[in-house]
Amino acid sequence: MTILYLLIPLSLILLGLAVWAFFWAVKHDQFDDLEGPAYRVLFDDDENDLTKEQRDERKLASRKQAKPNDSEPPS
């Protein structure tokens, strides 16, 4: 019976934390777009979504991959 003096306040504290977390999530727009992230995985990155620096880095990386490796002897 004395354990109830501990469990009831503890459960009220946990309930308060859960309610606070829910209202924090609503305030910070965590529930605005529930379907977008699920569909975003299916599509490739659009070049227009990248910054100029990111596009330049991607071009350099693709050029490095397209170059043949000079360290290998020709066969």
C-alpha atoms as a PDB file:
ATOM      1  CA  MET A   1       0.000   0.000   0.000  1.00  0.00           C
ATOM      2  CA  THR A   2       2.865   2.399   0.719  1.00  0.00           C
ATOM      3  CA  ILE A   3       4.206   1.850  -2.800  1.00  0.00           C
ATOM      4  CA  LEU A   4       1.207   3.811  -4.088  1.00  0.00           C
ATOM      5  CA  TYR A   5       2.674   6.934  -2.479  1.00  0.00           C
ATOM      6  CA  LEU A   6       5.570   6.550  -4.896  1.00  0.00           C
ATOM      7  CA  LEU A   7       3.792   5.191  -7.983  1.00  0.00           C
ATOM      8  CA  ILE A   8       0.970   7.743  -8.190  1.00  0.00           C
ATOM      9  CA  PRO A   9       3.242  10.832  -8.228  1.00  0.00           C
ATOM     10  CA  LEU A  10       5.643   9.053 -10.580  1.00  0.00           C
ATOM     11  CA  SER A  11       2.840   8.245 -13.018  1.00  0.00           C
ATOM     12  CA  LEU A  12       1.581  11.841 -12.857  1.00  0.00           C
ATOM     13  CA  ILE A  13       5.081  13.109 -13.645  1.00  0.00           C
ATOM     14  CA  LEU A  14       5.329  10.735 -16.621  1.00  0.00           C
ATOM     15  CA  LEU A  15       1.903  11.830 -17.828  1.00  0.00           C
ATOM     16  CA  GLY A  16       2.938  15.462 -17.541  1.00  0.00           C
ATOM     17  CA  LEU A  17       6.110  14.776 -19.563  1.00  0.00           C
ATOM     18  CA  ALA A  18       4.112  13.004 -22.260  1.00  0.00           C
ATOM     19  CA  VAL A  19       1.622  15.884 -22.516  1.00  0.00           C
ATOM     20  CA  TRP A  20       4.492  18.403 -22.639  1.00  0.00           C
ATOM     21  CA  ALA A  21       6.251  16.408 -25.401  1.00  0.00           C
ATOM     22  CA  PHE A  22       3.036  16.252 -27.432  1.00  0.00           C
ATOM     23  CA  PHE A  23       2.407  19.998 -27.222  1.00  0.00           C
ATOM     24  CA  TRP A  24       6.076  20.717 -27.982  1.00  0.00           C
ATOM     25  CA  ALA A  25       5.828  18.569 -31.123  1.00  0.00           C
ATOM     26  CA  VAL A  26       2.644  20.334 -32.234  1.00  0.00           C
ATOM     27  CA  LYS A  27       4.174  23.767 -31.587  1.00  0.00           C
ATOM     28  CA  HIS A  28       7.307  22.915 -33.586  1.00  0.00           C
ATOM     29  CA  ASP A  29       5.303  21.642 -36.607  1.00  0.00           C
ATOM     30  CA  GLN A  30       6.292  17.991 -36.280  1.00  0.00           C
ATOM     31  CA  PHE A  31       2.890  16.839 -37.550  1.00  0.00           C
ATOM     32  CA  ASP A  32       2.528  19.131 -40.574  1.00  0.00           C
ATOM     33  CA  ASP A  33       3.624  16.708 -43.306  1.00  0.00           C
ATOM     34  CA  LEU A  34       3.139  13.078 -42.368  1.00  0.00           C
ATOM     35  CA  GLU A  35       3.308  11.607 -45.892  1.00  0.00           C
ATOM     36  CA  GLY A  36       6.111  13.667 -47.450  1.00  0.00           C
ATOM     37  CA  PRO A  37       9.091  11.895 -45.843  1.00  0.00           C
ATOM     38  CA  ALA A  38       7.693   8.491 -46.841  1.00  0.00           C
ATOM     39  CA  TYR A  39       7.494   9.512 -50.518  1.00  0.00           C
ATOM     40  CA  ARG A  40      10.758  11.473 -50.478  1.00  0.00           C
ATOM     41  CA  VAL A  41      12.691   8.225 -50.059  1.00  0.00           C
ATOM     42  CA  LEU A  42      11.359   6.931 -53.373  1.00  0.00           C
ATOM     43  CA  PHE A  43      12.562   9.824 -55.542  1.00  0.00           C
ATOM     44  CA  ASP A  44      16.062  10.847 -56.580  1.00  0.00           C
ATOM     45  CA  ASP A  45      17.487  14.153 -55.462  1.00  0.00           C
ATOM     46  CA  ASP A  46      16.578  16.964 -57.792  1.00  0.00           C
ATOM     47  CA  GLU A  47      19.489  19.131 -58.910  1.00  0.00           C
ATOM     48  CA  ASN A  48      17.408  22.257 -58.291  1.00  0.00           C
ATOM     49  CA  ASP A  49      17.134  21.420 -54.600  1.00  0.00           C
ATOM     50  CA  LEU A  50      20.911  21.581 -54.141  1.00  0.00           C
ATOM     51  CA  THR A  51      22.995  24.677 -53.557  1.00  0.00           C
ATOM     52  CA  LYS A  52      25.571  25.725 -56.148  1.00  0.00           C
ATOM     53  CA  GLU A  53      28.409  24.401 -54.005  1.00  0.00           C
ATOM     54  CA  GLN A  54      26.715  21.019 -53.631  1.00  0.00           C
ATOM     55  CA  ARG A  55      26.152  20.808 -57.406  1.00  0.00           C
ATOM     56  CA  ASP A  56      29.834  21.605 -58.028  1.00  0.00           C
ATOM     57  CA  GLU A  57      30.927  18.935 -55.537  1.00  0.00           C
ATOM     58  CA  ARG A  58      28.659  16.383 -57.211  1.00  0.00           C
ATOM     59  CA  LYS A  59      30.101  17.237 -60.654  1.00  0.00           C
ATOM     60  CA  LEU A  60      33.666  16.854 -59.369  1.00  0.00           C
ATOM     61  CA  ALA A  61      32.846  13.512 -57.777  1.00  0.00           C
ATOM     62  CA  SER A  62      31.265  12.198 -60.987  1.00  0.00           C
ATOM     63  CA  ARG A  63      34.306  13.324 -63.015  1.00  0.00           C
ATOM     64  CA  LYS A  64      36.658  11.538 -60.628  1.00  0.00           C
ATOM     65  CA  GLN A  65      34.629   8.338 -60.982  1.00  0.00           C
ATOM     66  CA  ALA A  66      34.552   8.618 -64.774  1.00  0.00           C
ATOM     67  CA  LYS A  67      38.359   9.011 -65.024  1.00  0.00           C
ATOM     68  CA  PRO A  68      40.276   5.782 -65.480  1.00  0.00           C
ATOM     69  CA  ASN A  69      42.611   4.889 -62.658  1.00  0.00           C
ATOM     70  CA  ASP A  70      46.160   5.942 -63.695  1.00  0.00           C
ATOM     71  CA  SER A  71      47.869   3.678 -61.158  1.00  0.00           C
ATOM     72  CA  GLU A  72      46.802   0.466 -62.933  1.00  0.00           C
ATOM     73  CA  PRO A  73      49.015  -0.700 -65.805  1.00  0.00           C
ATOM     74  CA  PRO A  74      47.272  -1.013 -69.147  1.00  0.00           C
ATOM     75  CA  SER A  75      46.335  -4.538 -70.132  1.00  0.00           C
END
